[in-house]
Amino acid sequence: MNIQVRTMAEMLAANESPEILFWVGCAGSFDDRAKKITKALVKILNQCKVNFAILGTEESCSGDPAKRAGNEFTFQMQALMNIEILNGYAVKKIVTACPHCFNSLKNEYPGLGGNYEVIHHTQLIQDLIYSGKLTLADNGTFKGKKITFHDPCYLGRANDVYEAPRELILKLDAELVEMKRCKANGLCCGAGGAQMFKEAEKGSKEINIERTEDALQTNAQIIATGCPFCNTMMTDGIKHAQKESTIHVMDIAELIANAADL
């Protein structure tokens, strides 16, 4: 399938303005696994004829890892550079598949002059289904499958977004099985706070192993995520448990794209 994505610069040159900017994020741009999530979301947006664009090479890191690692100066440098570009294009609404970018753009950019309506991709997909723009094929792809959802810290506890991803799983005709630690009591996958980019500290067990064990206890065939970092950590946990042939880790966008035959 030929995926068409226009940049903000191309739209400006054509004297057009998209209704929404898709903030791809570092993981969605460079990580091979996360690129599949990006493509799934783009397929959904194109299918629904959403007028969107990306920044392309003008997009830089949101600054979240630097801030979480304690480097406020680098965060502000990265954020101000992004805000200058976003404001230059008069961006009003942003969607992203990364809760870390979502949290920074939504809650930390306003203090630096970047005020936008920021939504997570599960919220946008939910809106597209509710408005009738996206219909799921009756292909029974996930019918009867047990799916558990791992709450990303920056989507759930930091921003109170719990229902959108779960409602989408229920749309799949699947059985949503909750982990014992979920929603406000969810456990971090182990990648937040810039931990994704450093070696683990001393302890008896890796956080992602602990979290994967929570998921395995549900007997789910699919672990659904809404964050590229969580996806990596849970996938590593499944490999550690030697369960990769029977349990799959998939982003909500991938589940929906599959169910919509995209």
C-alpha atoms as a PDB file:
ATOM      1  CA  MET A   1       0.000   0.000   0.000  1.00  0.00           C
ATOM      2  CA  ASN A   2       1.349   3.385  -1.014  1.00  0.00           C
ATOM      3  CA  ILE A   3       1.217   5.634   2.069  1.00  0.00           C
ATOM      4  CA  GLN A   4       0.778   9.315   1.324  1.00  0.00           C
ATOM      5  CA  VAL A   5       1.929  11.807   3.957  1.00  0.00           C
ATOM      6  CA  ARG A   6       2.350  15.513   3.303  1.00  0.00           C
ATOM      7  CA  THR A   7       4.577  17.850   5.279  1.00  0.00           C
ATOM      8  CA  MET A   8       3.561  21.197   6.714  1.00  0.00           C
ATOM      9  CA  ALA A   9       6.030  22.855   4.348  1.00  0.00           C
ATOM     10  CA  GLU A  10       4.365  21.205   1.326  1.00  0.00           C
ATOM     11  CA  MET A  11       0.945  22.288   2.538  1.00  0.00           C
ATOM     12  CA  LEU A  12       2.120  25.850   3.090  1.00  0.00           C
ATOM     13  CA  ALA A  13       3.596  25.941  -0.418  1.00  0.00           C
ATOM     14  CA  ALA A  14       0.188  24.875  -1.763  1.00  0.00           C
ATOM     15  CA  ASN A  15      -1.483  27.566   0.362  1.00  0.00           C
ATOM     16  CA  GLU A  16      -3.269  24.890   2.394  1.00  0.00           C
ATOM     17  CA  SER A  17      -3.582  24.315   6.101  1.00  0.00           C
ATOM     18  CA  PRO A  18      -4.190  20.889   7.697  1.00  0.00           C
ATOM     19  CA  GLU A  19      -6.757  20.529  10.459  1.00  0.00           C
ATOM     20  CA  ILE A  20      -4.361  18.399  12.469  1.00  0.00           C
ATOM     21  CA  LEU A  21      -0.601  17.939  12.839  1.00  0.00           C
ATOM     22  CA  PHE A  22       0.625  14.394  13.412  1.00  0.00           C
ATOM     23  CA  TRP A  23       3.593  14.618  15.793  1.00  0.00           C
ATOM     24  CA  VAL A  24       5.472  11.425  14.948  1.00  0.00           C
ATOM     25  CA  GLY A  25       8.047  11.503  17.740  1.00  0.00           C
ATOM     26  CA  CYS A  26      11.583  10.086  17.818  1.00  0.00           C
ATOM     27  CA  ALA A  27      10.498   6.472  18.353  1.00  0.00           C
ATOM     28  CA  GLY A  28       7.845   6.625  15.642  1.00  0.00           C
ATOM     29  CA  SER A  29      10.384   8.116  13.233  1.00  0.00           C
ATOM     30  CA  PHE A  30      13.504   6.044  13.882  1.00  0.00           C
ATOM     31  CA  ASP A  31      12.670   2.825  15.753  1.00  0.00           C
ATOM     32  CA  ASP A  32      11.847   0.026  13.318  1.00  0.00           C
ATOM     33  CA  ARG A  33       9.148  -1.457  15.541  1.00  0.00           C
ATOM     34  CA  ALA A  34       7.544   1.910  16.309  1.00  0.00           C
ATOM     35  CA  LYS A  35       7.510   2.838  12.605  1.00  0.00           C
ATOM     36  CA  LYS A  36       4.833   0.140  12.183  1.00  0.00           C
ATOM     37  CA  ILE A  37       2.655   1.999  14.696  1.00  0.00           C
ATOM     38  CA  THR A  38       3.206   5.223  12.750  1.00  0.00           C
ATOM     39  CA  LYS A  39       2.179   3.507   9.505  1.00  0.00           C
ATOM     40  CA  ALA A  40      -0.925   1.999  11.109  1.00  0.00           C
ATOM     41  CA  LEU A  41      -2.064   5.427  12.309  1.00  0.00           C
ATOM     42  CA  VAL A  42      -1.352   7.009   8.917  1.00  0.00           C
ATOM     43  CA  LYS A  43      -3.446   4.303   7.217  1.00  0.00           C
ATOM     44  CA  ILE A  44      -6.325   5.083   9.580  1.00  0.00           C
ATOM     45  CA  LEU A  45      -6.022   8.847   8.987  1.00  0.00           C
ATOM     46  CA  ASN A  46      -5.896   8.374   5.210  1.00  0.00           C
ATOM     47  CA  GLN A  47      -8.824   5.932   5.248  1.00  0.00           C
ATOM     48  CA  CYS A  48     -10.911   8.509   7.141  1.00  0.00           C
ATOM     49  CA  LYS A  49      -9.738  11.326   4.856  1.00  0.00           C
ATOM     50  CA  VAL A  50      -8.398  13.308   7.802  1.00  0.00           C
ATOM     51  CA  ASN A  51      -6.661  16.456   6.586  1.00  0.00           C
ATOM     52  CA  PHE A  52      -3.309  16.092   8.356  1.00  0.00           C
ATOM     53  CA  ALA A  53       0.382  16.752   7.873  1.00  0.00           C
ATOM     54  CA  ILE A  54       3.698  16.091   9.606  1.00  0.00           C
ATOM     55  CA  LEU A  55       6.687  18.345  10.203  1.00  0.00           C
ATOM     56  CA  GLY A  56       9.074  15.847   8.604  1.00  0.00           C
ATOM     57  CA  THR A  57      12.702  16.859   9.013  1.00  0.00           C
ATOM     58  CA  GLU A  58      11.590  20.004  10.873  1.00  0.00           C
ATOM     59  CA  GLU A  59      10.385  17.889  13.804  1.00  0.00           C
ATOM     60  CA  SER A  60      12.842  17.554  16.676  1.00  0.00           C
ATOM     61  CA  CYS A  61      12.671  15.623  19.957  1.00  0.00           C
ATOM     62  CA  SER A  62       9.954  16.974  22.250  1.00  0.00           C
ATOM     63  CA  GLY A  63      12.557  17.250  25.004  1.00  0.00           C
ATOM     64  CA  ASP A  64      10.866  14.765  27.345  1.00  0.00           C
ATOM     65  CA  PRO A  65      13.912  12.495  27.896  1.00  0.00           C
ATOM     66  CA  ALA A  66      16.151  15.467  28.686  1.00  0.00           C
ATOM     67  CA  LYS A  67      13.665  16.899  31.189  1.00  0.00           C
ATOM     68  CA  ARG A  68      13.059  13.554  32.907  1.00  0.00           C
ATOM     69  CA  ALA A  69      16.804  13.004  33.162  1.00  0.00           C
ATOM     70  CA  GLY A  70      17.091  16.359  34.940  1.00  0.00           C
ATOM     71  CA  ASN A  71      18.474  18.501  32.122  1.00  0.00           C
ATOM     72  CA  GLU A  72      15.981  21.364  32.151  1.00  0.00           C
ATOM     73  CA  PHE A  73      18.206  23.571  30.009  1.00  0.00           C
ATOM     74  CA  THR A  74      18.317  21.079  27.119  1.00  0.00           C
ATOM     75  CA  PHE A  75      14.557  20.501  27.432  1.00  0.00           C
ATOM     76  CA  GLN A  76      13.821  24.206  27.124  1.00  0.00           C
ATOM     77  CA  MET A  77      16.181  24.559  24.155  1.00  0.00           C
ATOM     78  CA  GLN A  78      14.440  21.686  22.341  1.00  0.00           C
ATOM     79  CA  ALA A  79      10.954  22.835  23.301  1.00  0.00           C
ATOM     80  CA  LEU A  80      11.499  26.467  22.260  1.00  0.00           C
ATOM     81  CA  MET A  81      12.853  25.364  18.894  1.00  0.00           C
ATOM     82  CA  ASN A  82       9.787  23.191  18.318  1.00  0.00           C
ATOM     83  CA  ILE A  83       7.393  25.903  19.510  1.00  0.00           C
ATOM     84  CA  GLU A  84       8.930  28.407  17.089  1.00  0.00           C
ATOM     85  CA  ILE A  85       8.293  26.006  14.202  1.00  0.00           C
ATOM     86  CA  LEU A  86       4.781  25.026  15.362  1.00  0.00           C
ATOM     87  CA  ASN A  87       3.741  28.641  15.899  1.00  0.00           C
ATOM     88  CA  GLY A  88       5.271  29.590  12.559  1.00  0.00           C
ATOM     89  CA  TYR A  89       2.847  27.171  10.902  1.00  0.00           C
ATOM     90  CA  ALA A  90      -0.003  28.383  13.160  1.00  0.00           C
ATOM     91  CA  VAL A  91      -0.602  24.813  14.372  1.00  0.00           C
ATOM     92  CA  LYS A  92      -3.777  24.488  16.451  1.00  0.00           C
ATOM     93  CA  LYS A  93      -4.316  20.750  16.960  1.00  0.00           C
ATOM     94  CA  ILE A  94      -1.761  17.959  17.404  1.00  0.00           C
ATOM     95  CA  VAL A  95      -2.141  14.161  17.570  1.00  0.00           C
ATOM     96  CA  THR A  96       0.656  11.864  18.685  1.00  0.00           C
ATOM     97  CA  ALA A  97       1.047   8.138  19.364  1.00  0.00           C
ATOM     98  CA  CYS A  98       3.647   8.773  22.083  1.00  0.00           C
ATOM     99  CA  PRO A  99       2.361   9.626  25.576  1.00  0.00           C
ATOM    100  CA  HIS A 100       5.708  11.235  26.433  1.00  0.00           C
ATOM    101  CA  CYS A 101       5.367  13.708  23.550  1.00  0.00           C
ATOM    102  CA  PHE A 102       1.657  14.035  24.384  1.00  0.00           C
ATOM    103  CA  ASN A 103       2.387  15.029  27.974  1.00  0.00           C
ATOM    104  CA  SER A 104       5.157  17.483  27.091  1.00  0.00           C
ATOM    105  CA  LEU A 105       3.248  19.182  24.270  1.00  0.00           C
ATOM    106  CA  LYS A 106       0.020  19.344  26.295  1.00  0.00           C
ATOM    107  CA  ASN A 107       1.252  20.277  29.757  1.00  0.00           C
ATOM    108  CA  GLU A 108       4.768  21.696  29.502  1.00  0.00           C
ATOM    109  CA  TYR A 109       4.810  23.611  26.210  1.00  0.00           C
ATOM    110  CA  PRO A 110       2.133  26.181  27.233  1.00  0.00           C
ATOM    111  CA  GLY A 111       4.495  27.633  29.854  1.00  0.00           C
ATOM    112  CA  LEU A 112       6.989  28.320  27.062  1.00  0.00           C
ATOM    113  CA  GLY A 113       4.512  29.878  24.631  1.00  0.00           C
ATOM    114  CA  GLY A 114       3.245  26.772  22.840  1.00  0.00           C
ATOM    115  CA  ASN A 115      -0.524  26.471  23.224  1.00  0.00           C
ATOM    116  CA  TYR A 116      -2.161  23.673  21.239  1.00  0.00           C
ATOM    117  CA  GLU A 117      -5.005  21.194  21.505  1.00  0.00           C
ATOM    118  CA  VAL A 118      -3.109  17.931  21.996  1.00  0.00           C
ATOM    119  CA  ILE A 119      -4.749  14.502  21.785  1.00  0.00           C
ATOM    120  CA  HIS A 120      -3.482  10.946  21.999  1.00  0.00           C
ATOM    121  CA  HIS A 121      -4.020   8.731  18.967  1.00  0.00           C
ATOM    122  CA  THR A 122      -6.427   6.470  20.861  1.00  0.00           C
ATOM    123  CA  GLN A 123      -8.656   9.495  21.513  1.00  0.00           C
ATOM    124  CA  LEU A 124      -8.597  10.471  17.837  1.00  0.00           C
ATOM    125  CA  ILE A 125      -9.376   6.929  16.668  1.00  0.00           C
ATOM    126  CA  GLN A 126     -12.240   6.777  19.166  1.00  0.00           C
ATOM    127  CA  ASP A 127     -13.637  10.038  17.712  1.00  0.00           C
ATOM    128  CA  LEU A 128     -13.318   8.696  14.153  1.00  0.00           C
ATOM    129  CA  ILE A 129     -15.318   5.585  15.070  1.00  0.00           C
ATOM    130  CA  TYR A 130     -17.976   7.515  17.002  1.00  0.00           C
ATOM    131  CA  SER A 131     -18.424  10.006  14.154  1.00  0.00           C
ATOM    132  CA  GLY A 132     -18.896   7.171  11.656  1.00  0.00           C
ATOM    133  CA  LYS A 133     -15.778   8.018   9.632  1.00  0.00           C
ATOM    134  CA  LEU A 134     -14.122   4.721  10.530  1.00  0.00           C
ATOM    135  CA  THR A 135     -15.924   1.412  10.440  1.00  0.00           C
ATOM    136  CA  LEU A 136     -14.353  -1.843  11.496  1.00  0.00           C
ATOM    137  CA  ALA A 137     -14.651  -4.747   9.074  1.00  0.00           C
ATOM    138  CA  ASP A 138     -16.656  -7.742  10.240  1.00  0.00           C
ATOM    139  CA  ASN A 139     -13.613  -9.948   9.760  1.00  0.00           C
ATOM    140  CA  GLY A 140     -13.561 -11.438  13.247  1.00  0.00           C
ATOM    141  CA  THR A 141      -9.786 -10.898  13.470  1.00  0.00           C
ATOM    142  CA  PHE A 142      -9.861 -10.464  17.223  1.00  0.00           C
ATOM    143  CA  LYS A 143     -13.243 -12.011  18.040  1.00  0.00           C
ATOM    144  CA  GLY A 144     -13.064 -13.846  21.348  1.00  0.00           C
ATOM    145  CA  LYS A 145      -9.381 -13.067  21.806  1.00  0.00           C
ATOM    146  CA  LYS A 146      -8.245 -12.106  25.275  1.00  0.00           C
ATOM    147  CA  ILE A 147      -6.556  -8.716  25.215  1.00  0.00           C
ATOM    148  CA  THR A 148      -5.052  -6.902  28.191  1.00  0.00           C
ATOM    149  CA  PHE A 149      -4.132  -3.202  28.089  1.00  0.00           C
ATOM    150  CA  HIS A 150      -0.996  -1.835  29.717  1.00  0.00           C
ATOM    151  CA  ASP A 151      -1.571   1.776  30.798  1.00  0.00           C
ATOM    152  CA  PRO A 152       1.315   4.073  29.801  1.00  0.00           C
ATOM    153  CA  CYS A 153       2.230   6.262  32.791  1.00  0.00           C
ATOM    154  CA  TYR A 154       2.045   9.525  30.877  1.00  0.00           C
ATOM    155  CA  LEU A 155      -1.292   8.642  29.298  1.00  0.00           C
ATOM    156  CA  GLY A 156      -3.008   7.232  32.368  1.00  0.00           C
ATOM    157  CA  ARG A 157      -1.829   8.527  35.714  1.00  0.00           C
ATOM    158  CA  ALA A 158      -0.381  11.761  34.339  1.00  0.00           C
ATOM    159  CA  ASN A 159      -3.329  12.689  32.097  1.00  0.00           C
ATOM    160  CA  ASP A 160      -6.303  10.545  33.192  1.00  0.00           C
ATOM    161  CA  VAL A 161      -6.814   8.925  29.781  1.00  0.00           C
ATOM    162  CA  TYR A 162      -8.004   5.421  30.626  1.00  0.00           C
ATOM    163  CA  GLU A 163     -11.212   4.804  28.703  1.00  0.00           C
ATOM    164  CA  ALA A 164     -10.355   5.595  25.056  1.00  0.00           C
ATOM    165  CA  PRO A 165      -7.960   2.655  24.558  1.00  0.00           C
ATOM    166  CA  ARG A 166     -10.233   0.262  26.441  1.00  0.00           C
ATOM    167  CA  GLU A 167     -13.318   1.242  24.451  1.00  0.00           C
ATOM    168  CA  LEU A 168     -11.382   0.602  21.254  1.00  0.00           C
ATOM    169  CA  ILE A 169     -10.420  -2.893  22.439  1.00  0.00           C
ATOM    170  CA  LEU A 170     -14.091  -3.624  23.167  1.00  0.00           C
ATOM    171  CA  LYS A 171     -14.949  -2.497  19.609  1.00  0.00           C
ATOM    172  CA  LEU A 172     -12.836  -5.426  18.384  1.00  0.00           C
ATOM    173  CA  ASP A 173     -15.298  -7.981  19.771  1.00  0.00           C
ATOM    174  CA  ALA A 174     -12.448  -9.059  22.014  1.00  0.00           C
ATOM    175  CA  GLU A 175     -12.460  -9.872  25.698  1.00  0.00           C
ATOM    176  CA  LEU A 176     -10.729  -7.150  27.686  1.00  0.00           C
ATOM    177  CA  VAL A 177      -8.967  -8.703  30.678  1.00  0.00           C
ATOM    178  CA  GLU A 178      -7.458  -6.321  33.212  1.00  0.00           C
ATOM    179  CA  MET A 179      -4.171  -6.824  35.007  1.00  0.00           C
ATOM    180  CA  LYS A 180      -4.309  -6.758  38.810  1.00  0.00           C
ATOM    181  CA  ARG A 181      -2.435  -3.439  38.623  1.00  0.00           C
ATOM    182  CA  CYS A 182      -4.232  -1.257  36.097  1.00  0.00           C
ATOM    183  CA  LYS A 183      -5.535   2.256  35.490  1.00  0.00           C
ATOM    184  CA  ALA A 184      -4.591   4.535  38.437  1.00  0.00           C
ATOM    185  CA  ASN A 185      -2.810   1.595  40.087  1.00  0.00           C
ATOM    186  CA  GLY A 186      -0.906   0.630  36.949  1.00  0.00           C
ATOM    187  CA  LEU A 187       2.781  -0.270  37.061  1.00  0.00           C
ATOM    188  CA  CYS A 188       5.365   1.474  34.885  1.00  0.00           C
ATOM    189  CA  CYS A 189       6.893  -0.619  32.088  1.00  0.00           C
ATOM    190  CA  GLY A 190      10.321   0.548  33.211  1.00  0.00           C
ATOM    191  CA  ALA A 191      11.109   2.948  30.347  1.00  0.00           C
ATOM    192  CA  GLY A 192       9.743   6.224  31.740  1.00  0.00           C
ATOM    193  CA  GLY A 193      11.817   8.946  33.322  1.00  0.00           C
ATOM    194  CA  ALA A 194      14.466   8.507  30.596  1.00  0.00           C
ATOM    195  CA  GLN A 195      15.163   4.985  31.949  1.00  0.00           C
ATOM    196  CA  MET A 196      14.719   3.763  28.355  1.00  0.00           C
ATOM    197  CA  PHE A 197      18.146   5.167  27.545  1.00  0.00           C
ATOM    198  CA  LYS A 198      20.260   3.973  30.464  1.00  0.00           C
ATOM    199  CA  GLU A 199      21.287   0.745  32.091  1.00  0.00           C
ATOM    200  CA  ALA A 200      19.100  -0.590  34.884  1.00  0.00           C
ATOM    201  CA  GLU A 201      20.093   0.133  38.468  1.00  0.00           C
ATOM    202  CA  LYS A 202      20.886  -2.641  40.925  1.00  0.00           C
ATOM    203  CA  GLY A 203      17.963  -4.735  42.091  1.00  0.00           C
ATOM    204  CA  SER A 204      16.511  -8.215  42.064  1.00  0.00           C
ATOM    205  CA  LYS A 205      14.347  -7.890  38.940  1.00  0.00           C
ATOM    206  CA  GLU A 206      13.881  -5.650  35.897  1.00  0.00           C
ATOM    207  CA  ILE A 207      10.681  -3.562  36.015  1.00  0.00           C
ATOM    208  CA  ASN A 208       9.590  -4.743  32.563  1.00  0.00           C
ATOM    209  CA  ILE A 209       9.860  -8.392  33.672  1.00  0.00           C
ATOM    210  CA  GLU A 210       7.672  -7.628  36.686  1.00  0.00           C
ATOM    211  CA  ARG A 211       5.123  -5.874  34.475  1.00  0.00           C
ATOM    212  CA  THR A 212       5.137  -8.637  31.869  1.00  0.00           C
ATOM    213  CA  GLU A 213       4.392 -11.138  34.635  1.00  0.00           C
ATOM    214  CA  ASP A 214       1.303  -9.051  35.498  1.00  0.00           C
ATOM    215  CA  ALA A 215       0.201  -9.394  31.873  1.00  0.00           C
ATOM    216  CA  LEU A 216       0.926 -13.129  31.691  1.00  0.00           C
ATOM    217  CA  GLN A 217      -1.277 -13.750  34.734  1.00  0.00           C
ATOM    218  CA  THR A 218      -4.314 -12.571  32.708  1.00  0.00           C
ATOM    219  CA  ASN A 219      -3.788 -15.356  30.129  1.00  0.00           C
ATOM    220  CA  ALA A 220      -4.218 -12.746  27.391  1.00  0.00           C
ATOM    221  CA  GLN A 221      -3.086 -13.617  23.864  1.00  0.00           C
ATOM    222  CA  ILE A 222      -2.422  -9.967  23.059  1.00  0.00           C
ATOM    223  CA  ILE A 223      -0.864  -7.243  25.205  1.00  0.00           C
ATOM    224  CA  ALA A 224      -2.130  -3.920  23.886  1.00  0.00           C
ATOM    225  CA  THR A 225      -0.118  -0.752  24.387  1.00  0.00           C
ATOM    226  CA  GLY A 226      -0.508   2.916  23.554  1.00  0.00           C
ATOM    227  CA  CYS A 227       3.138   3.932  23.743  1.00  0.00           C
ATOM    228  CA  PRO A 228       6.197   2.940  21.682  1.00  0.00           C
ATOM    229  CA  PHE A 229       8.404   2.701  24.791  1.00  0.00           C
ATOM    230  CA  CYS A 230       5.897   0.459  26.586  1.00  0.00           C
ATOM    231  CA  ASN A 231       5.724  -1.645  23.424  1.00  0.00           C
ATOM    232  CA  THR A 232       9.499  -2.188  23.475  1.00  0.00           C
ATOM    233  CA  MET A 233       9.619  -3.025  27.181  1.00  0.00           C
ATOM    234  CA  MET A 234       6.677  -5.443  27.074  1.00  0.00           C
ATOM    235  CA  THR A 235       8.054  -7.102  23.926  1.00  0.00           C
ATOM    236  CA  ASP A 236      11.403  -7.608  25.684  1.00  0.00           C
ATOM    237  CA  GLY A 237       9.525  -9.054  28.652  1.00  0.00           C
ATOM    238  CA  ILE A 238       7.683 -11.532  26.441  1.00  0.00           C
ATOM    239  CA  LYS A 239      10.987 -12.580  24.848  1.00  0.00           C
ATOM    240  CA  HIS A 240      12.480 -13.062  28.304  1.00  0.00           C
ATOM    241  CA  ALA A 241       9.546 -15.324  29.173  1.00  0.00           C
ATOM    242  CA  GLN A 242      10.048 -17.148  25.830  1.00  0.00           C
ATOM    243  CA  LYS A 243       6.404 -16.534  24.900  1.00  0.00           C
ATOM    244  CA  GLU A 244       6.852 -14.586  21.648  1.00  0.00           C
ATOM    245  CA  SER A 245       5.305 -17.385  19.565  1.00  0.00           C
ATOM    246  CA  THR A 246       2.032 -17.313  21.522  1.00  0.00           C
ATOM    247  CA  ILE A 247       1.666 -13.768  22.893  1.00  0.00           C
ATOM    248  CA  HIS A 248       1.799 -10.643  20.737  1.00  0.00           C
ATOM    249  CA  VAL A 249       2.417  -7.056  21.798  1.00  0.00           C
ATOM    250  CA  MET A 250       0.501  -4.609  19.596  1.00  0.00           C
ATOM    251  CA  ASP A 251      -0.327  -0.918  19.667  1.00  0.00           C
ATOM    252  CA  ILE A 252      -4.007   0.060  19.710  1.00  0.00           C
ATOM    253  CA  ALA A 253      -3.561   1.681  16.268  1.00  0.00           C
ATOM    254  CA  GLU A 254      -2.298  -1.627  14.855  1.00  0.00           C
ATOM    255  CA  LEU A 255      -5.250  -3.531  16.317  1.00  0.00           C
ATOM    256  CA  ILE A 256      -7.724  -1.065  14.812  1.00  0.00           C
ATOM    257  CA  ALA A 257      -5.965  -0.948  11.428  1.00  0.00           C
ATOM    258  CA  ASN A 258      -6.074  -4.760  11.263  1.00  0.00           C
ATOM    259  CA  ALA A 259      -9.741  -4.844  12.281  1.00  0.00           C
ATOM    260  CA  ALA A 260     -10.553  -2.246   9.617  1.00  0.00           C
ATOM    261  CA  ASP A 261      -8.719  -4.298   6.954  1.00  0.00           C
ATOM    262  CA  LEU A 262      -6.294  -1.448   6.223  1.00  0.00           C
END
